[in-house]
Amino acid sequence: MPYIDSGGCHPVSKFSQPENRKKYCQYHLIPGKVTEADIKKGKITTLAGKTISISSKTGTVKLNDANPTFPPTFVSNGVIIEIDRVLLPPDF
């Protein structure tokens, strides 16, 4: 059974493979800190080793095509930013 998002139709069976679940989760994690220089470069590297485009127009940060939905939540070991869509690794 497929699922559909803005990127098209994807088979759910990909999530049944542990290595794909790991790759998917790691694509949503950024190790270390994101600096102003990273934002100016326009891309950041995820824990999966893939890049996500990052832009800041009109004071709002955008990750690929995803928009933050709430202010960031600061936790003891990082920052959580809720976004309005799923990020799929390019090779997923």
N, C-alpha and C. Protein backbone atom coordinates (compact mmCIF):
# COMPACT_ATOMS: atom_id res chain seq x y z
N MET A 1 0.85 -1.18 0.00
CA MET A 1 0.00 0.00 0.00
C MET A 1 0.89 1.24 0.00
N PRO A 2 0.71 2.16 -0.91
CA PRO A 2 1.55 3.35 -0.98
C PRO A 2 1.02 4.47 -0.08
N TYR A 3 1.87 5.43 0.18
CA TYR A 3 1.42 6.66 0.81
C TYR A 3 1.77 7.80 -0.15
N ILE A 4 1.03 8.86 -0.07
CA ILE A 4 1.20 9.97 -1.00
C ILE A 4 1.54 11.23 -0.21
N ASP A 5 2.55 11.94 -0.68
CA ASP A 5 2.87 13.25 -0.13
C ASP A 5 3.15 14.19 -1.30
N SER A 6 3.67 15.37 -1.01
CA SER A 6 3.89 16.34 -2.08
C SER A 6 4.93 15.87 -3.10
N GLY A 7 5.76 14.89 -2.70
CA GLY A 7 6.77 14.37 -3.61
C GLY A 7 6.28 13.25 -4.49
N GLY A 8 5.05 12.81 -4.28
CA GLY A 8 4.49 11.74 -5.11
C GLY A 8 4.05 10.56 -4.28
N CYS A 9 4.02 9.41 -4.91
CA CYS A 9 3.53 8.18 -4.30
C CYS A 9 4.73 7.31 -3.92
N HIS A 10 4.74 6.80 -2.70
CA HIS A 10 5.87 6.00 -2.20
C HIS A 10 5.36 4.70 -1.59
N PRO A 11 6.06 3.59 -1.80
CA PRO A 11 5.61 2.33 -1.21
C PRO A 11 5.92 2.28 0.29
N VAL A 12 4.94 1.92 1.08
CA VAL A 12 5.11 1.79 2.53
C VAL A 12 6.08 0.66 2.84
N SER A 13 6.22 -0.30 1.94
CA SER A 13 7.11 -1.44 2.18
C SER A 13 8.54 -1.00 2.44
N LYS A 14 8.93 0.18 1.97
CA LYS A 14 10.28 0.67 2.25
C LYS A 14 10.50 0.83 3.75
N PHE A 15 9.45 1.16 4.50
CA PHE A 15 9.58 1.34 5.94
C PHE A 15 9.68 0.02 6.69
N SER A 16 9.39 -1.08 6.04
CA SER A 16 9.49 -2.38 6.71
C SER A 16 10.94 -2.84 6.81
N GLN A 17 11.83 -2.21 6.08
CA GLN A 17 13.25 -2.56 6.10
C GLN A 17 13.97 -1.68 7.13
N PRO A 18 14.59 -2.31 8.15
CA PRO A 18 15.22 -1.53 9.22
C PRO A 18 16.22 -0.49 8.72
N GLU A 19 17.01 -0.82 7.71
CA GLU A 19 18.00 0.15 7.23
C GLU A 19 17.34 1.39 6.63
N ASN A 20 16.16 1.22 6.04
CA ASN A 20 15.43 2.37 5.50
C ASN A 20 14.84 3.23 6.61
N ARG A 21 14.34 2.59 7.67
CA ARG A 21 13.81 3.36 8.81
C ARG A 21 14.92 4.18 9.44
N LYS A 22 16.10 3.57 9.58
CA LYS A 22 17.24 4.28 10.16
C LYS A 22 17.63 5.46 9.27
N LYS A 23 17.72 5.24 7.96
CA LYS A 23 18.09 6.29 7.02
C LYS A 23 17.07 7.44 7.07
N TYR A 24 15.80 7.08 7.12
CA TYR A 24 14.72 8.07 7.16
C TYR A 24 14.82 8.92 8.43
N CYS A 25 15.00 8.26 9.58
CA CYS A 25 15.10 8.99 10.85
C CYS A 25 16.34 9.88 10.89
N GLN A 26 17.48 9.34 10.43
CA GLN A 26 18.72 10.12 10.45
C GLN A 26 18.66 11.32 9.51
N TYR A 27 17.83 11.24 8.48
CA TYR A 27 17.68 12.37 7.56
C TYR A 27 16.99 13.55 8.24
N HIS A 28 16.32 13.30 9.35
CA HIS A 28 15.63 14.36 10.09
C HIS A 28 16.47 14.92 11.24
N LEU A 29 17.69 14.43 11.41
CA LEU A 29 18.55 14.88 12.51
C LEU A 29 19.78 15.59 11.98
N ILE A 30 20.11 16.71 12.60
CA ILE A 30 21.28 17.50 12.23
C ILE A 30 22.26 17.43 13.40
N PRO A 31 23.45 16.85 13.19
CA PRO A 31 24.41 16.80 14.29
C PRO A 31 25.06 18.17 14.51
N GLY A 32 25.38 18.47 15.74
CA GLY A 32 26.04 19.73 16.05
C GLY A 32 25.09 20.91 16.00
N LYS A 33 25.65 22.07 15.77
CA LYS A 33 24.86 23.30 15.74
C LYS A 33 24.73 23.81 14.31
N VAL A 34 23.62 24.44 14.02
CA VAL A 34 23.43 25.12 12.74
C VAL A 34 23.74 26.59 12.98
N THR A 35 24.69 27.10 12.23
CA THR A 35 25.12 28.48 12.41
C THR A 35 24.56 29.38 11.32
N GLU A 36 24.75 30.66 11.51
CA GLU A 36 24.34 31.62 10.48
C GLU A 36 25.09 31.35 9.18
N ALA A 37 26.35 30.94 9.29
CA ALA A 37 27.15 30.61 8.10
C ALA A 37 26.54 29.42 7.35
N ASP A 38 26.02 28.43 8.09
CA ASP A 38 25.35 27.29 7.44
C ASP A 38 24.14 27.76 6.65
N ILE A 39 23.37 28.65 7.24
CA ILE A 39 22.17 29.16 6.58
C ILE A 39 22.56 29.93 5.32
N LYS A 40 23.64 30.71 5.40
CA LYS A 40 24.10 31.47 4.23
C LYS A 40 24.57 30.54 3.11
N LYS A 41 25.18 29.39 3.48
CA LYS A 41 25.60 28.42 2.46
C LYS A 41 24.41 27.80 1.75
N GLY A 42 23.28 27.73 2.45
CA GLY A 42 22.06 27.21 1.84
C GLY A 42 21.87 25.71 1.95
N LYS A 43 22.73 25.05 2.72
CA LYS A 43 22.53 23.61 2.92
C LYS A 43 23.20 23.17 4.22
N ILE A 44 22.63 22.12 4.79
CA ILE A 44 23.20 21.52 6.00
C ILE A 44 23.23 20.01 5.79
N THR A 45 24.17 19.35 6.45
CA THR A 45 24.32 17.91 6.31
C THR A 45 23.63 17.22 7.48
N THR A 46 22.84 16.21 7.15
CA THR A 46 22.09 15.46 8.16
C THR A 46 22.95 14.36 8.75
N LEU A 47 22.44 13.72 9.78
CA LEU A 47 23.12 12.59 10.39
C LEU A 47 23.26 11.44 9.40
N ALA A 48 22.40 11.39 8.39
CA ALA A 48 22.47 10.36 7.35
C ALA A 48 23.55 10.68 6.30
N GLY A 49 24.18 11.84 6.41
CA GLY A 49 25.21 12.23 5.46
C GLY A 49 24.67 12.87 4.19
N LYS A 50 23.38 13.12 4.14
CA LYS A 50 22.74 13.77 2.99
C LYS A 50 22.51 15.23 3.33
N THR A 51 22.35 16.06 2.32
CA THR A 51 22.13 17.48 2.59
C THR A 51 20.66 17.86 2.49
N ILE A 52 20.31 18.86 3.26
CA ILE A 52 18.99 19.47 3.23
C ILE A 52 19.22 20.93 2.87
N SER A 53 18.41 21.44 1.96
CA SER A 53 18.54 22.87 1.64
C SER A 53 17.91 23.66 2.78
N ILE A 54 18.55 24.76 3.10
CA ILE A 54 18.06 25.61 4.18
C ILE A 54 18.06 27.04 3.67
N SER A 55 16.99 27.74 3.92
CA SER A 55 16.92 29.13 3.48
C SER A 55 16.23 29.95 4.56
N SER A 56 16.52 31.21 4.54
CA SER A 56 15.91 32.12 5.50
C SER A 56 15.47 33.36 4.75
N LYS A 57 14.21 33.38 4.41
CA LYS A 57 13.64 34.54 3.72
C LYS A 57 12.57 35.13 4.62
N THR A 58 12.52 36.41 4.68
CA THR A 58 11.58 37.14 5.53
C THR A 58 11.64 36.67 6.98
N GLY A 59 12.84 36.26 7.43
CA GLY A 59 13.01 35.86 8.82
C GLY A 59 12.53 34.47 9.17
N THR A 60 12.04 33.71 8.19
CA THR A 60 11.56 32.36 8.45
C THR A 60 12.49 31.35 7.80
N VAL A 61 12.89 30.35 8.57
CA VAL A 61 13.75 29.29 8.04
C VAL A 61 12.89 28.25 7.34
N LYS A 62 13.39 27.76 6.22
CA LYS A 62 12.70 26.71 5.46
C LYS A 62 13.70 25.58 5.22
N LEU A 63 13.29 24.34 5.47
CA LEU A 63 14.13 23.16 5.25
C LEU A 63 13.55 22.38 4.08
N ASN A 64 14.30 22.29 2.98
CA ASN A 64 13.76 21.76 1.72
C ASN A 64 12.46 22.51 1.45
N ASP A 65 11.34 21.83 1.39
CA ASP A 65 10.06 22.51 1.19
C ASP A 65 9.25 22.59 2.48
N ALA A 66 9.85 22.26 3.60
CA ALA A 66 9.13 22.22 4.88
C ALA A 66 9.25 23.54 5.63
N ASN A 67 8.16 23.90 6.27
CA ASN A 67 8.10 25.12 7.07
C ASN A 67 7.95 24.76 8.55
N PRO A 68 8.67 25.45 9.43
CA PRO A 68 8.42 25.25 10.86
C PRO A 68 6.98 25.62 11.19
N THR A 69 6.35 24.83 12.07
CA THR A 69 4.96 25.11 12.42
C THR A 69 4.81 25.78 13.77
N PHE A 70 5.81 25.69 14.62
CA PHE A 70 5.79 26.30 15.94
C PHE A 70 7.18 26.84 16.23
N PRO A 71 7.32 27.70 17.22
CA PRO A 71 8.67 28.12 17.61
C PRO A 71 9.48 26.89 18.05
N PRO A 72 10.81 26.95 17.94
CA PRO A 72 11.63 25.81 18.34
C PRO A 72 11.46 25.49 19.82
N THR A 73 11.60 24.21 20.14
CA THR A 73 11.57 23.75 21.52
C THR A 73 13.00 23.42 21.93
N PHE A 74 13.50 24.08 22.95
CA PHE A 74 14.86 23.84 23.42
C PHE A 74 14.84 22.75 24.48
N VAL A 75 15.65 21.72 24.27
CA VAL A 75 15.76 20.60 25.21
C VAL A 75 17.22 20.49 25.64
N SER A 76 17.49 19.62 26.60
CA SER A 76 18.83 19.56 27.18
C SER A 76 19.92 19.20 26.17
N ASN A 77 19.59 18.44 25.14
CA ASN A 77 20.63 18.02 24.19
C ASN A 77 20.41 18.53 22.77
N GLY A 78 19.61 19.58 22.62
CA GLY A 78 19.41 20.11 21.28
C GLY A 78 18.17 20.97 21.15
N VAL A 79 17.72 21.10 19.93
CA VAL A 79 16.55 21.90 19.60
C VAL A 79 15.64 21.07 18.73
N ILE A 80 14.35 21.10 19.01
CA ILE A 80 13.37 20.38 18.21
C ILE A 80 12.58 21.41 17.41
N ILE A 81 12.55 21.21 16.09
CA ILE A 81 11.78 22.10 15.22
C ILE A 81 10.73 21.25 14.52
N GLU A 82 9.47 21.50 14.84
CA GLU A 82 8.37 20.78 14.19
C GLU A 82 8.16 21.40 12.81
N ILE A 83 8.04 20.53 11.79
CA ILE A 83 7.84 21.00 10.43
C ILE A 83 6.52 20.48 9.87
N ASP A 84 6.06 21.10 8.80
CA ASP A 84 4.73 20.79 8.27
C ASP A 84 4.68 19.67 7.23
N ARG A 85 5.81 19.02 6.97
CA ARG A 85 5.80 17.90 6.04
C ARG A 85 6.98 16.99 6.31
N VAL A 86 6.90 15.80 5.78
CA VAL A 86 7.96 14.80 5.95
C VAL A 86 9.09 15.12 4.98
N LEU A 87 10.32 14.97 5.45
CA LEU A 87 11.49 15.10 4.59
C LEU A 87 11.90 13.70 4.15
N LEU A 88 11.99 13.48 2.86
CA LEU A 88 12.41 12.18 2.36
C LEU A 88 13.83 12.28 1.81
N PRO A 89 14.71 11.35 2.22
CA PRO A 89 16.06 11.35 1.66
C PRO A 89 15.99 11.24 0.13
N PRO A 90 16.93 11.85 -0.58
CA PRO A 90 16.87 11.84 -2.04
C PRO A 90 16.90 10.44 -2.64
N ASP A 91 17.52 9.49 -1.98
CA ASP A 91 17.62 8.13 -2.52
C ASP A 91 16.59 7.19 -1.90
N PHE A 92 15.57 7.73 -1.28
CA PHE A 92 14.57 6.90 -0.60
C PHE A 92 13.51 6.41 -1.55
